[in-house]
Amino acid sequence: MALTPIMTTTAVAGGGRNGRVSLEGGKLVLGMSLPKELVPGGPDGMNPEQLFAMGWVSCYGQAIIVLAPKHGVDGQRANVTCEVTLNKDEGGGFALSAVLKCAIPGAEPDKVKALMEEAHTICPYSKATRGHVPVTLQVI
């Protein structure tokens, strides 16, 4: 598949999960830390899973908005949630799983489910994780 670049962004990190991460030009700088589930009593910084969930939910939410008219629902009323879970895998390493949830007040659940499934086919985050991250789509 040929790709035509639209935009590129750059993030820089130092110190891994207990360091700092910043976007190009210092637009955003965050202190990172291991999740409290891995280090009880540790510092209260951000972790990569939180940032990944934020990026994915905003991207997936936009796919919902774009496709909603085709499904006869109001995408602007959609409340979209992305839960990203850090799991231990069988090999002693780690792996991600995710749940994408969507509620659209007044919309029929079958229409919302069909919309979610189609949005999952066009969202770049969903495409990037397909086959690598188990994902559940859930109408709420």
C-alpha atoms as a PDB file:
ATOM      1  CA  MET A   1       0.000   0.000   0.000  1.00  0.00           C
ATOM      2  CA  ALA A   2       1.402   3.385  -0.999  1.00  0.00           C
ATOM      3  CA  LEU A   3       1.340   6.060   1.676  1.00  0.00           C
ATOM      4  CA  THR A   4       1.138   9.811   1.094  1.00  0.00           C
ATOM      5  CA  PRO A   5       2.404  11.737   4.142  1.00  0.00           C
ATOM      6  CA  ILE A   6       0.005  14.323   5.564  1.00  0.00           C
ATOM      7  CA  MET A   7       1.868  15.310   8.723  1.00  0.00           C
ATOM      8  CA  THR A   8       4.629  14.053  10.977  1.00  0.00           C
ATOM      9  CA  THR A   9       5.095  14.621  14.672  1.00  0.00           C
ATOM     10  CA  THR A  10       8.066  13.834  16.866  1.00  0.00           C
ATOM     11  CA  ALA A  11       8.301  12.938  20.528  1.00  0.00           C
ATOM     12  CA  VAL A  12      11.521  12.617  22.503  1.00  0.00           C
ATOM     13  CA  ALA A  13      11.937  10.609  25.713  1.00  0.00           C
ATOM     14  CA  GLY A  14      14.693  10.195  28.250  1.00  0.00           C
ATOM     15  CA  GLY A  15      14.641   7.865  31.227  1.00  0.00           C
ATOM     16  CA  GLY A  16      12.109   5.380  29.845  1.00  0.00           C
ATOM     17  CA  ARG A  17       9.007   4.888  31.964  1.00  0.00           C
ATOM     18  CA  ASN A  18      10.489   6.945  34.807  1.00  0.00           C
ATOM     19  CA  GLY A  19      11.695   9.868  32.743  1.00  0.00           C
ATOM     20  CA  ARG A  20      10.289  12.719  30.729  1.00  0.00           C
ATOM     21  CA  VAL A  21       8.691  12.840  27.331  1.00  0.00           C
ATOM     22  CA  SER A  22       8.170  15.904  25.180  1.00  0.00           C
ATOM     23  CA  LEU A  23       6.659  16.823  21.861  1.00  0.00           C
ATOM     24  CA  GLU A  24       8.645  18.640  19.253  1.00  0.00           C
ATOM     25  CA  GLY A  25       9.300  22.250  20.149  1.00  0.00           C
ATOM     26  CA  GLY A  26       8.347  21.667  23.790  1.00  0.00           C
ATOM     27  CA  LYS A  27       4.601  21.956  23.026  1.00  0.00           C
ATOM     28  CA  LEU A  28       3.954  19.370  25.747  1.00  0.00           C
ATOM     29  CA  VAL A  29       6.324  17.945  28.349  1.00  0.00           C
ATOM     30  CA  LEU A  30       5.249  15.192  30.750  1.00  0.00           C
ATOM     31  CA  GLY A  31       6.868  13.389  33.623  1.00  0.00           C
ATOM     32  CA  MET A  32       6.485   9.649  33.155  1.00  0.00           C
ATOM     33  CA  SER A  33       6.337   6.911  35.759  1.00  0.00           C
ATOM     34  CA  LEU A  34       5.702   3.218  36.030  1.00  0.00           C
ATOM     35  CA  PRO A  35       2.045   2.443  36.755  1.00  0.00           C
ATOM     36  CA  LYS A  36       1.272   2.239  40.474  1.00  0.00           C
ATOM     37  CA  GLU A  37       0.168  -1.354  39.845  1.00  0.00           C
ATOM     38  CA  LEU A  38       3.827  -2.176  39.092  1.00  0.00           C
ATOM     39  CA  VAL A  39       5.420   0.079  41.713  1.00  0.00           C
ATOM     40  CA  PRO A  40       3.076   0.678  44.669  1.00  0.00           C
ATOM     41  CA  GLY A  41       3.754   4.069  46.222  1.00  0.00           C
ATOM     42  CA  GLY A  42       5.704   5.218  43.172  1.00  0.00           C
ATOM     43  CA  PRO A  43       5.516   8.713  41.658  1.00  0.00           C
ATOM     44  CA  ASP A  44       2.262   9.858  40.103  1.00  0.00           C
ATOM     45  CA  GLY A  45       3.284  10.560  36.519  1.00  0.00           C
ATOM     46  CA  MET A  46       1.817   9.569  33.203  1.00  0.00           C
ATOM     47  CA  ASN A  47       2.495   6.231  31.557  1.00  0.00           C
ATOM     48  CA  PRO A  48       2.598   5.224  27.891  1.00  0.00           C
ATOM     49  CA  GLU A  49      -0.662   3.276  28.137  1.00  0.00           C
ATOM     50  CA  GLN A  50      -2.530   6.396  29.260  1.00  0.00           C
ATOM     51  CA  LEU A  51      -1.102   8.453  26.414  1.00  0.00           C
ATOM     52  CA  PHE A  52      -1.865   5.687  23.907  1.00  0.00           C
ATOM     53  CA  ALA A  53      -5.477   5.506  25.135  1.00  0.00           C
ATOM     54  CA  MET A  54      -5.837   9.285  24.782  1.00  0.00           C
ATOM     55  CA  GLY A  55      -4.519   9.281  21.223  1.00  0.00           C
ATOM     56  CA  TRP A  56      -6.581   6.269  20.193  1.00  0.00           C
ATOM     57  CA  VAL A  57      -9.854   7.531  21.687  1.00  0.00           C
ATOM     58  CA  SER A  58      -9.583  10.931  20.007  1.00  0.00           C
ATOM     59  CA  CYS A  59      -8.724   9.350  16.641  1.00  0.00           C
ATOM     60  CA  TYR A  60     -11.441   6.694  16.919  1.00  0.00           C
ATOM     61  CA  GLY A  61     -13.908   9.337  18.087  1.00  0.00           C
ATOM     62  CA  GLN A  62     -13.222  11.329  14.931  1.00  0.00           C
ATOM     63  CA  ALA A  63     -13.870   8.229  12.815  1.00  0.00           C
ATOM     64  CA  ILE A  64     -17.219   7.875  14.636  1.00  0.00           C
ATOM     65  CA  ILE A  65     -18.096  11.513  13.829  1.00  0.00           C
ATOM     66  CA  VAL A  66     -17.125  11.158  10.155  1.00  0.00           C
ATOM     67  CA  LEU A  67     -19.093   7.943   9.597  1.00  0.00           C
ATOM     68  CA  ALA A  68     -22.131   8.683  11.803  1.00  0.00           C
ATOM     69  CA  PRO A  69     -24.294  10.314   9.076  1.00  0.00           C
ATOM     70  CA  LYS A  70     -23.943   7.165   6.950  1.00  0.00           C
ATOM     71  CA  HIS A  71     -25.380   5.166   9.881  1.00  0.00           C
ATOM     72  CA  GLY A  72     -28.173   7.645  10.613  1.00  0.00           C
ATOM     73  CA  VAL A  73     -26.910   8.736  14.024  1.00  0.00           C
ATOM     74  CA  ASP A  74     -25.545  11.983  15.469  1.00  0.00           C
ATOM     75  CA  GLY A  75     -21.819  11.437  15.923  1.00  0.00           C
ATOM     76  CA  GLN A  76     -21.431  14.758  17.728  1.00  0.00           C
ATOM     77  CA  ARG A  77     -23.414  13.248  20.615  1.00  0.00           C
ATOM     78  CA  ALA A  78     -21.110  10.232  20.856  1.00  0.00           C
ATOM     79  CA  ASN A  79     -19.319   9.537  24.117  1.00  0.00           C
ATOM     80  CA  VAL A  80     -16.310   7.383  23.246  1.00  0.00           C
ATOM     81  CA  THR A  81     -14.018   5.620  25.709  1.00  0.00           C
ATOM     82  CA  CYS A  82     -10.795   3.695  25.182  1.00  0.00           C
ATOM     83  CA  GLU A  83      -9.506   1.402  27.915  1.00  0.00           C
ATOM     84  CA  VAL A  84      -5.951   0.183  27.385  1.00  0.00           C
ATOM     85  CA  THR A  85      -4.722  -2.614  29.637  1.00  0.00           C
ATOM     86  CA  LEU A  86      -1.106  -3.593  30.229  1.00  0.00           C
ATOM     87  CA  ASN A  87      -1.012  -7.380  30.597  1.00  0.00           C
ATOM     88  CA  LYS A  88       1.676  -9.922  31.452  1.00  0.00           C
ATOM     89  CA  ASP A  89       2.083 -12.338  28.579  1.00  0.00           C
ATOM     90  CA  GLU A  90       2.943 -16.041  28.641  1.00  0.00           C
ATOM     91  CA  GLY A  91       6.598 -15.375  27.859  1.00  0.00           C
ATOM     92  CA  GLY A  92       7.121 -13.208  30.937  1.00  0.00           C
ATOM     93  CA  GLY A  93       6.889  -9.971  28.968  1.00  0.00           C
ATOM     94  CA  PHE A  94       4.060  -7.522  28.532  1.00  0.00           C
ATOM     95  CA  ALA A  95       1.274  -7.006  25.977  1.00  0.00           C
ATOM     96  CA  LEU A  96      -1.591  -4.593  25.481  1.00  0.00           C
ATOM     97  CA  SER A  97      -5.311  -5.199  25.116  1.00  0.00           C
ATOM     98  CA  ALA A  98      -8.051  -2.643  24.585  1.00  0.00           C
ATOM     99  CA  VAL A  99     -11.777  -1.974  24.832  1.00  0.00           C
ATOM    100  CA  LEU A 100     -13.377   0.734  22.703  1.00  0.00           C
ATOM    101  CA  LYS A 101     -16.770   1.833  24.043  1.00  0.00           C
ATOM    102  CA  CYS A 102     -19.355   4.153  22.549  1.00  0.00           C
ATOM    103  CA  ALA A 103     -22.675   5.565  23.693  1.00  0.00           C
ATOM    104  CA  ILE A 104     -24.860   7.754  21.502  1.00  0.00           C
ATOM    105  CA  PRO A 105     -27.965   8.968  23.336  1.00  0.00           C
ATOM    106  CA  GLY A 106     -31.160   8.143  21.437  1.00  0.00           C
ATOM    107  CA  ALA A 107     -29.404   5.907  18.888  1.00  0.00           C
ATOM    108  CA  GLU A 108     -30.343   2.281  18.358  1.00  0.00           C
ATOM    109  CA  PRO A 109     -27.644  -0.051  19.750  1.00  0.00           C
ATOM    110  CA  ASP A 110     -27.459  -2.004  16.459  1.00  0.00           C
ATOM    111  CA  LYS A 111     -26.711   1.203  14.547  1.00  0.00           C
ATOM    112  CA  VAL A 112     -24.055   2.222  17.090  1.00  0.00           C
ATOM    113  CA  LYS A 113     -22.425  -1.230  16.863  1.00  0.00           C
ATOM    114  CA  ALA A 114     -22.323  -1.097  13.055  1.00  0.00           C
ATOM    115  CA  LEU A 115     -20.873   2.414  13.233  1.00  0.00           C
ATOM    116  CA  MET A 116     -18.222   1.280  15.725  1.00  0.00           C
ATOM    117  CA  GLU A 117     -17.235  -1.658  13.541  1.00  0.00           C
ATOM    118  CA  GLU A 118     -16.827   0.552  10.478  1.00  0.00           C
ATOM    119  CA  ALA A 119     -14.946   3.231  12.454  1.00  0.00           C
ATOM    120  CA  HIS A 120     -12.585   0.494  13.624  1.00  0.00           C
ATOM    121  CA  THR A 121     -11.711  -0.214   9.958  1.00  0.00           C
ATOM    122  CA  ILE A 122     -10.683   3.381   9.146  1.00  0.00           C
ATOM    123  CA  CYS A 123      -9.121   4.674  12.390  1.00  0.00           C
ATOM    124  CA  PRO A 124      -5.301   4.724  11.997  1.00  0.00           C
ATOM    125  CA  TYR A 125      -4.787   3.515  15.590  1.00  0.00           C
ATOM    126  CA  SER A 126      -7.160   0.611  15.003  1.00  0.00           C
ATOM    127  CA  LYS A 127      -5.349  -0.247  11.779  1.00  0.00           C
ATOM    128  CA  ALA A 128      -1.949  -0.115  13.485  1.00  0.00           C
ATOM    129  CA  THR A 129      -3.012  -2.424  16.302  1.00  0.00           C
ATOM    130  CA  ARG A 130      -5.031  -4.896  14.206  1.00  0.00           C
ATOM    131  CA  GLY A 131      -3.635  -8.391  14.650  1.00  0.00           C
ATOM    132  CA  HIS A 132      -1.337  -7.221  17.452  1.00  0.00           C
ATOM    133  CA  VAL A 133      -3.644  -5.953  20.199  1.00  0.00           C
ATOM    134  CA  PRO A 134      -6.870  -7.749  21.142  1.00  0.00           C
ATOM    135  CA  VAL A 135      -9.690  -5.196  20.878  1.00  0.00           C
ATOM    136  CA  THR A 136     -13.282  -5.430  22.090  1.00  0.00           C
ATOM    137  CA  LEU A 137     -15.935  -3.049  20.710  1.00  0.00           C
ATOM    138  CA  GLN A 138     -18.699  -2.348  23.203  1.00  0.00           C
ATOM    139  CA  VAL A 139     -21.894  -0.313  22.908  1.00  0.00           C
ATOM    140  CA  ILE A 140     -22.677   1.320  26.265  1.00  0.00           C
END
